[in-house]
Amino acid sequence: MNRQELERILPHRNSMLLLDSAQVLEDGSSQGIKKITGEEFFLDGHFPGNPIVPGVILCEILAQSTCVLLKDEVSAGVTTFFTGLDKVRFKNPVRPGDVFETRCRITKQKGNFYWAEGAGYVDGKLCVKAEFSFALVEA
């Protein structure tokens, strides 16, 4: 999926649509890609002279990557909302010039609530891993 296709299932726009591309893999997991250019709004003050992608942004990229797995469930008037983050671990920083790659999968569903786990890598090196949940909510 390119950015235009992602906009059909994600409510994010402009600077908050954090994925460059994503795909559903044969094993039912998702893969997302975000090239960190150095021009992103969140690097402006984090940290001057030593820019590092904030952990909360890495978690948001994981969540957006997972939402591509719900492309058939998301329709007009339905928004995905983060409902929780658990067992988040940051292992290595993500910096300008890096290509951040995610691998995520849904582990459980109950009604309109979903639980997932994901990990983010740069050059095959683990940068973040987390368990998280979200809900599909009618607007």
N, C-alpha and C. Protein backbone atom coordinates (compact mmCIF):
# COMPACT_ATOMS: atom_id res chain seq x y z
N MET A 1 0.84 -1.18 0.00
CA MET A 1 0.00 0.00 0.00
C MET A 1 0.89 1.24 0.00
N ASN A 2 0.55 2.17 -0.85
CA ASN A 2 1.24 3.45 -0.84
C ASN A 2 0.46 4.43 0.04
N ARG A 3 0.91 5.68 0.12
CA ARG A 3 0.26 6.65 1.02
C ARG A 3 -1.20 6.88 0.66
N GLN A 4 -1.53 6.94 -0.62
CA GLN A 4 -2.93 7.16 -1.01
C GLN A 4 -3.81 6.00 -0.54
N GLU A 5 -3.32 4.79 -0.69
CA GLU A 5 -4.08 3.62 -0.23
C GLU A 5 -4.20 3.61 1.29
N LEU A 6 -3.13 4.03 1.98
CA LEU A 6 -3.16 4.09 3.43
C LEU A 6 -4.18 5.11 3.93
N GLU A 7 -4.34 6.21 3.20
CA GLU A 7 -5.30 7.23 3.60
C GLU A 7 -6.74 6.72 3.55
N ARG A 8 -7.00 5.66 2.80
CA ARG A 8 -8.35 5.11 2.74
C ARG A 8 -8.72 4.36 4.02
N ILE A 9 -7.70 3.87 4.76
CA ILE A 9 -8.00 3.10 5.97
C ILE A 9 -7.52 3.77 7.26
N LEU A 10 -6.61 4.72 7.15
CA LEU A 10 -6.12 5.43 8.34
C LEU A 10 -6.70 6.85 8.37
N PRO A 11 -7.08 7.33 9.54
CA PRO A 11 -7.65 8.69 9.61
C PRO A 11 -6.58 9.78 9.58
N HIS A 12 -5.32 9.42 9.65
CA HIS A 12 -4.23 10.39 9.75
C HIS A 12 -3.96 11.08 8.41
N ARG A 13 -3.52 12.32 8.48
CA ARG A 13 -3.16 13.08 7.29
C ARG A 13 -1.91 13.88 7.57
N ASN A 14 -1.35 14.40 6.50
CA ASN A 14 -0.18 15.27 6.55
C ASN A 14 0.91 14.69 7.45
N SER A 15 1.36 15.45 8.42
CA SER A 15 2.52 15.03 9.21
C SER A 15 2.25 13.87 10.17
N MET A 16 0.97 13.51 10.39
CA MET A 16 0.69 12.40 11.31
C MET A 16 0.48 11.06 10.60
N LEU A 17 0.40 11.05 9.28
CA LEU A 17 0.43 9.78 8.57
C LEU A 17 1.90 9.41 8.46
N LEU A 18 2.32 8.49 9.30
CA LEU A 18 3.75 8.25 9.50
C LEU A 18 4.32 7.14 8.63
N LEU A 19 3.50 6.40 7.93
CA LEU A 19 3.99 5.33 7.07
C LEU A 19 4.21 5.82 5.65
N ASP A 20 5.28 5.35 5.04
CA ASP A 20 5.48 5.60 3.62
C ASP A 20 4.80 4.51 2.80
N SER A 21 4.84 3.28 3.31
CA SER A 21 4.20 2.15 2.64
C SER A 21 3.96 1.05 3.66
N ALA A 22 3.07 0.12 3.29
CA ALA A 22 2.77 -1.02 4.16
C ALA A 22 2.21 -2.14 3.31
N GLN A 23 2.29 -3.34 3.86
CA GLN A 23 1.71 -4.49 3.16
C GLN A 23 1.31 -5.56 4.16
N VAL A 24 0.34 -6.35 3.74
CA VAL A 24 -0.05 -7.53 4.51
C VAL A 24 0.77 -8.69 3.96
N LEU A 25 1.42 -9.40 4.86
CA LEU A 25 2.29 -10.51 4.45
C LEU A 25 1.51 -11.82 4.42
N GLU A 26 2.08 -12.81 3.77
CA GLU A 26 1.41 -14.11 3.61
C GLU A 26 1.05 -14.77 4.93
N ASP A 27 1.85 -14.53 5.98
CA ASP A 27 1.58 -15.16 7.27
C ASP A 27 0.52 -14.41 8.08
N GLY A 28 -0.08 -13.37 7.49
CA GLY A 28 -1.13 -12.61 8.17
C GLY A 28 -0.62 -11.44 8.99
N SER A 29 0.67 -11.24 9.03
CA SER A 29 1.23 -10.08 9.73
C SER A 29 1.35 -8.91 8.75
N SER A 30 1.75 -7.78 9.26
CA SER A 30 1.93 -6.61 8.41
C SER A 30 3.37 -6.13 8.49
N GLN A 31 3.77 -5.44 7.44
CA GLN A 31 5.08 -4.81 7.40
C GLN A 31 4.86 -3.36 7.00
N GLY A 32 5.46 -2.45 7.74
CA GLY A 32 5.39 -1.03 7.41
C GLY A 32 6.78 -0.47 7.22
N ILE A 33 6.87 0.58 6.41
CA ILE A 33 8.16 1.22 6.13
C ILE A 33 8.01 2.73 6.34
N LYS A 34 8.97 3.31 7.07
CA LYS A 34 9.04 4.76 7.24
C LYS A 34 10.50 5.17 7.11
N LYS A 35 10.79 5.96 6.09
CA LYS A 35 12.14 6.52 5.92
C LYS A 35 12.20 7.79 6.74
N ILE A 36 13.13 7.86 7.65
CA ILE A 36 13.30 9.03 8.50
C ILE A 36 14.22 10.00 7.77
N THR A 37 13.64 11.11 7.29
CA THR A 37 14.40 12.04 6.46
C THR A 37 15.20 13.07 7.26
N GLY A 38 14.74 13.35 8.47
CA GLY A 38 15.35 14.42 9.26
C GLY A 38 14.52 15.69 9.23
N GLU A 39 13.52 15.74 8.34
CA GLU A 39 12.65 16.91 8.22
C GLU A 39 11.35 16.77 9.01
N GLU A 40 11.13 15.65 9.68
CA GLU A 40 9.90 15.40 10.42
C GLU A 40 9.74 16.38 11.58
N PHE A 41 8.49 16.78 11.84
CA PHE A 41 8.19 17.76 12.89
C PHE A 41 8.69 17.31 14.25
N PHE A 42 8.67 16.03 14.54
CA PHE A 42 9.01 15.54 15.87
C PHE A 42 10.51 15.53 16.13
N LEU A 43 11.33 15.77 15.11
CA LEU A 43 12.78 15.82 15.30
C LEU A 43 13.27 17.22 15.61
N ASP A 44 12.43 18.21 15.39
CA ASP A 44 12.83 19.61 15.57
C ASP A 44 13.41 19.88 16.95
N GLY A 45 12.82 19.34 17.99
CA GLY A 45 13.32 19.59 19.34
C GLY A 45 13.69 18.33 20.09
N HIS A 46 13.84 17.22 19.40
CA HIS A 46 14.11 15.93 20.06
C HIS A 46 15.30 15.24 19.41
N PHE A 47 16.42 15.50 19.68
CA PHE A 47 17.01 16.52 20.54
C PHE A 47 17.90 17.40 19.67
N PRO A 48 17.95 18.72 19.90
CA PRO A 48 18.79 19.59 19.08
C PRO A 48 20.24 19.10 19.05
N GLY A 49 20.76 18.94 17.85
CA GLY A 49 22.13 18.47 17.69
C GLY A 49 22.29 16.96 17.77
N ASN A 50 21.26 16.26 18.22
CA ASN A 50 21.30 14.80 18.34
C ASN A 50 19.89 14.25 18.11
N PRO A 51 19.35 14.42 16.89
CA PRO A 51 17.96 14.04 16.65
C PRO A 51 17.72 12.53 16.75
N ILE A 52 16.70 12.19 17.55
CA ILE A 52 16.29 10.80 17.75
C ILE A 52 14.76 10.76 17.67
N VAL A 53 14.22 9.80 16.96
CA VAL A 53 12.77 9.68 16.86
C VAL A 53 12.21 9.35 18.24
N PRO A 54 11.25 10.14 18.73
CA PRO A 54 10.67 9.88 20.06
C PRO A 54 9.99 8.50 20.11
N GLY A 55 10.07 7.89 21.27
CA GLY A 55 9.48 6.57 21.45
C GLY A 55 8.00 6.53 21.16
N VAL A 56 7.27 7.58 21.52
CA VAL A 56 5.84 7.61 21.28
C VAL A 56 5.55 7.60 19.78
N ILE A 57 6.40 8.19 18.99
CA ILE A 57 6.23 8.17 17.53
C ILE A 57 6.49 6.77 16.99
N LEU A 58 7.50 6.09 17.53
CA LEU A 58 7.77 4.70 17.10
C LEU A 58 6.55 3.82 17.40
N CYS A 59 5.93 4.03 18.56
CA CYS A 59 4.73 3.26 18.91
C CYS A 59 3.58 3.59 17.97
N GLU A 60 3.44 4.84 17.58
CA GLU A 60 2.38 5.23 16.64
C GLU A 60 2.62 4.58 15.27
N ILE A 61 3.86 4.49 14.84
CA ILE A 61 4.16 3.82 13.57
C ILE A 61 3.79 2.34 13.65
N LEU A 62 4.07 1.71 14.78
CA LEU A 62 3.66 0.31 14.96
C LEU A 62 2.14 0.18 14.84
N ALA A 63 1.42 1.08 15.50
CA ALA A 63 -0.05 1.02 15.48
C ALA A 63 -0.58 1.23 14.06
N GLN A 64 -0.06 2.21 13.35
CA GLN A 64 -0.51 2.45 11.99
C GLN A 64 -0.20 1.24 11.10
N SER A 65 0.93 0.61 11.32
CA SER A 65 1.29 -0.58 10.55
C SER A 65 0.30 -1.71 10.80
N THR A 66 -0.16 -1.83 12.02
CA THR A 66 -1.12 -2.88 12.36
C THR A 66 -2.48 -2.62 11.73
N CYS A 67 -2.87 -1.37 11.64
CA CYS A 67 -4.19 -1.03 11.10
C CYS A 67 -4.37 -1.48 9.66
N VAL A 68 -3.30 -1.68 8.92
CA VAL A 68 -3.47 -2.16 7.54
C VAL A 68 -4.08 -3.56 7.52
N LEU A 69 -3.95 -4.29 8.63
CA LEU A 69 -4.56 -5.62 8.72
C LEU A 69 -6.08 -5.55 8.82
N LEU A 70 -6.60 -4.36 9.11
CA LEU A 70 -8.04 -4.18 9.26
C LEU A 70 -8.66 -3.47 8.06
N LYS A 71 -7.97 -3.47 6.94
CA LYS A 71 -8.44 -2.72 5.78
C LYS A 71 -9.85 -3.11 5.36
N ASP A 72 -10.24 -4.35 5.59
CA ASP A 72 -11.58 -4.78 5.21
C ASP A 72 -12.63 -4.42 6.25
N GLU A 73 -12.22 -4.15 7.49
CA GLU A 73 -13.16 -3.81 8.55
C GLU A 73 -13.39 -2.30 8.67
N VAL A 74 -12.42 -1.52 8.20
CA VAL A 74 -12.52 -0.06 8.32
C VAL A 74 -13.32 0.48 7.14
N SER A 75 -14.32 1.30 7.45
CA SER A 75 -15.15 1.91 6.42
C SER A 75 -15.34 3.38 6.76
N ALA A 76 -16.04 4.09 5.90
CA ALA A 76 -16.32 5.50 6.17
C ALA A 76 -17.05 5.62 7.50
N GLY A 77 -16.62 6.57 8.30
CA GLY A 77 -17.27 6.79 9.59
C GLY A 77 -16.72 5.95 10.72
N VAL A 78 -15.71 5.11 10.46
CA VAL A 78 -15.08 4.30 11.50
C VAL A 78 -13.63 4.77 11.67
N THR A 79 -13.25 5.00 12.91
CA THR A 79 -11.89 5.45 13.22
C THR A 79 -11.24 4.46 14.17
N THR A 80 -9.96 4.22 13.96
CA THR A 80 -9.20 3.37 14.89
C THR A 80 -8.61 4.26 15.99
N PHE A 81 -8.82 3.85 17.24
CA PHE A 81 -8.28 4.57 18.39
C PHE A 81 -7.37 3.66 19.19
N PHE A 82 -6.18 4.16 19.52
CA PHE A 82 -5.28 3.48 20.45
C PHE A 82 -6.00 3.36 21.79
N THR A 83 -5.98 2.19 22.43
CA THR A 83 -6.59 2.06 23.75
C THR A 83 -5.59 1.63 24.81
N GLY A 84 -4.41 1.17 24.40
CA GLY A 84 -3.43 0.78 25.41
C GLY A 84 -2.09 0.39 24.82
N LEU A 85 -1.07 0.56 25.63
CA LEU A 85 0.30 0.14 25.30
C LEU A 85 0.83 -0.65 26.49
N ASP A 86 1.42 -1.80 26.22
CA ASP A 86 1.98 -2.63 27.28
C ASP A 86 3.34 -3.17 26.86
N LYS A 87 4.15 -3.45 27.86
CA LYS A 87 5.43 -4.12 27.64
C LYS A 87 6.26 -3.46 26.54
N VAL A 88 6.27 -2.13 26.53
CA VAL A 88 7.05 -1.40 25.53
C VAL A 88 8.51 -1.41 25.95
N ARG A 89 9.36 -1.74 25.01
CA ARG A 89 10.80 -1.75 25.26
C ARG A 89 11.50 -1.07 24.10
N PHE A 90 12.36 -0.11 24.43
CA PHE A 90 13.17 0.58 23.44
C PHE A 90 14.59 0.03 23.52
N LYS A 91 15.08 -0.46 22.42
CA LYS A 91 16.38 -1.13 22.41
C LYS A 91 17.48 -0.31 21.75
N ASN A 92 17.14 0.38 20.66
CA ASN A 92 18.13 1.18 19.92
C ASN A 92 17.45 2.41 19.35
N PRO A 93 18.17 3.53 19.26
CA PRO A 93 17.55 4.75 18.73
C PRO A 93 17.34 4.67 17.21
N VAL A 94 16.36 5.45 16.76
CA VAL A 94 16.09 5.60 15.33
C VAL A 94 16.43 7.05 14.99
N ARG A 95 17.24 7.24 13.96
CA ARG A 95 17.79 8.56 13.63
C ARG A 95 17.52 8.94 12.17
N PRO A 96 17.71 10.21 11.84
CA PRO A 96 17.57 10.62 10.44
C PRO A 96 18.47 9.77 9.54
N GLY A 97 17.92 9.42 8.39
CA GLY A 97 18.63 8.57 7.44
C GLY A 97 18.28 7.10 7.59
N ASP A 98 17.68 6.73 8.72
CA ASP A 98 17.29 5.34 8.94
C ASP A 98 16.01 4.99 8.18
N VAL A 99 15.89 3.74 7.79
CA VAL A 99 14.65 3.20 7.27
C VAL A 99 14.10 2.31 8.38
N PHE A 100 12.99 2.74 8.96
CA PHE A 100 12.36 2.04 10.07
C PHE A 100 11.35 1.06 9.50
N GLU A 101 11.53 -0.22 9.79
CA GLU A 101 10.66 -1.27 9.28
C GLU A 101 9.93 -1.93 10.44
N THR A 102 8.63 -2.15 10.26
CA THR A 102 7.84 -2.77 11.32
C THR A 102 7.37 -4.15 10.90
N ARG A 103 7.12 -4.97 11.89
CA ARG A 103 6.43 -6.26 11.73
C ARG A 103 5.41 -6.33 12.84
N CYS A 104 4.14 -6.44 12.50
CA CYS A 104 3.07 -6.43 13.49
C CYS A 104 2.05 -7.52 13.18
N ARG A 105 1.35 -7.96 14.24
CA ARG A 105 0.28 -8.93 14.04
C ARG A 105 -0.78 -8.74 15.12
N ILE A 106 -2.00 -9.05 14.75
CA ILE A 106 -3.11 -9.01 15.69
C ILE A 106 -3.12 -10.34 16.44
N THR A 107 -3.20 -10.26 17.76
CA THR A 107 -3.14 -11.47 18.58
C THR A 107 -4.51 -11.89 19.12
N LYS A 108 -5.46 -10.92 19.16
CA LYS A 108 -6.77 -11.23 19.75
C LYS A 108 -7.77 -10.17 19.29
N GLN A 109 -9.03 -10.59 19.21
CA GLN A 109 -10.11 -9.67 18.91
C GLN A 109 -11.32 -10.02 19.75
N LYS A 110 -12.00 -9.00 20.25
CA LYS A 110 -13.26 -9.19 20.95
C LYS A 110 -14.15 -8.01 20.58
N GLY A 111 -15.18 -8.27 19.79
CA GLY A 111 -16.04 -7.18 19.31
C GLY A 111 -15.25 -6.22 18.47
N ASN A 112 -15.32 -4.94 18.82
CA ASN A 112 -14.56 -3.95 18.06
C ASN A 112 -13.20 -3.62 18.69
N PHE A 113 -12.75 -4.43 19.66
CA PHE A 113 -11.43 -4.26 20.29
C PHE A 113 -10.44 -5.26 19.72
N TYR A 114 -9.22 -4.80 19.52
CA TYR A 114 -8.15 -5.63 18.97
C TYR A 114 -6.90 -5.48 19.82
N TRP A 115 -6.18 -6.58 19.97
CA TRP A 115 -4.89 -6.59 20.65
C TRP A 115 -3.84 -7.02 19.64
N ALA A 116 -2.66 -6.45 19.76
CA ALA A 116 -1.62 -6.72 18.77
C ALA A 116 -0.26 -6.68 19.43
N GLU A 117 0.72 -7.14 18.68
CA GLU A 117 2.12 -7.00 19.09
C GLU A 117 2.90 -6.60 17.87
N GLY A 118 3.96 -5.85 18.11
CA GLY A 118 4.76 -5.40 16.99
C GLY A 118 6.18 -5.10 17.40
N ALA A 119 7.02 -5.01 16.39
CA ALA A 119 8.42 -4.67 16.61
C ALA A 119 8.89 -3.81 15.45
N GLY A 120 9.84 -2.94 15.73
CA GLY A 120 10.41 -2.07 14.71
C GLY A 120 11.92 -2.24 14.65
N TYR A 121 12.43 -2.20 13.43
CA TYR A 121 13.85 -2.50 13.18
C TYR A 121 14.47 -1.46 12.26
N VAL A 122 15.76 -1.29 12.39
CA VAL A 122 16.58 -0.56 11.43
C VAL A 122 17.73 -1.48 11.06
N ASP A 123 17.85 -1.77 9.78
CA ASP A 123 18.89 -2.68 9.29
C ASP A 123 18.89 -4.02 10.04
N GLY A 124 17.71 -4.52 10.35
CA GLY A 124 17.57 -5.80 11.04
C GLY A 124 17.83 -5.76 12.53
N LYS A 125 18.14 -4.60 13.05
CA LYS A 125 18.44 -4.44 14.48
C LYS A 125 17.18 -3.95 15.20
N LEU A 126 16.76 -4.67 16.24
CA LEU A 126 15.55 -4.32 16.99
C LEU A 126 15.70 -2.96 17.66
N CYS A 127 14.71 -2.09 17.42
CA CYS A 127 14.70 -0.75 18.02
C CYS A 127 13.60 -0.60 19.06
N VAL A 128 12.44 -1.22 18.81
CA VAL A 128 11.32 -1.12 19.73
C VAL A 128 10.45 -2.37 19.57
N LYS A 129 9.85 -2.78 20.68
CA LYS A 129 8.83 -3.83 20.62
C LYS A 129 7.76 -3.47 21.64
N ALA A 130 6.53 -3.90 21.35
CA ALA A 130 5.42 -3.52 22.23
C ALA A 130 4.22 -4.43 22.00
N GLU A 131 3.37 -4.47 23.00
CA GLU A 131 2.03 -5.02 22.87
C GLU A 131 1.10 -3.83 23.01
N PHE A 132 0.00 -3.83 22.27
CA PHE A 132 -0.89 -2.68 22.30
C PHE A 132 -2.29 -3.10 21.92
N SER A 133 -3.23 -2.19 22.15
CA SER A 133 -4.63 -2.48 21.80
C SER A 133 -5.24 -1.24 21.20
N PHE A 134 -6.33 -1.46 20.47
CA PHE A 134 -7.06 -0.37 19.85
C PHE A 134 -8.49 -0.81 19.58
N ALA A 135 -9.32 0.16 19.29
CA ALA A 135 -10.73 -0.09 19.02
C ALA A 135 -11.15 0.57 17.73
N LEU A 136 -12.10 -0.03 17.06
CA LEU A 136 -12.75 0.59 15.91
C LEU A 136 -14.00 1.29 16.44
N VAL A 137 -14.07 2.60 16.24
CA VAL A 137 -15.14 3.40 16.82
C VAL A 137 -15.86 4.15 15.70
N GLU A 138 -17.20 4.09 15.72
CA GLU A 138 -17.98 4.86 14.75
C GLU A 138 -17.96 6.32 15.16
N ALA A 139 -17.71 7.17 14.19
CA ALA A 139 -17.58 8.61 14.47
C ALA A 139 -18.94 9.27 14.63
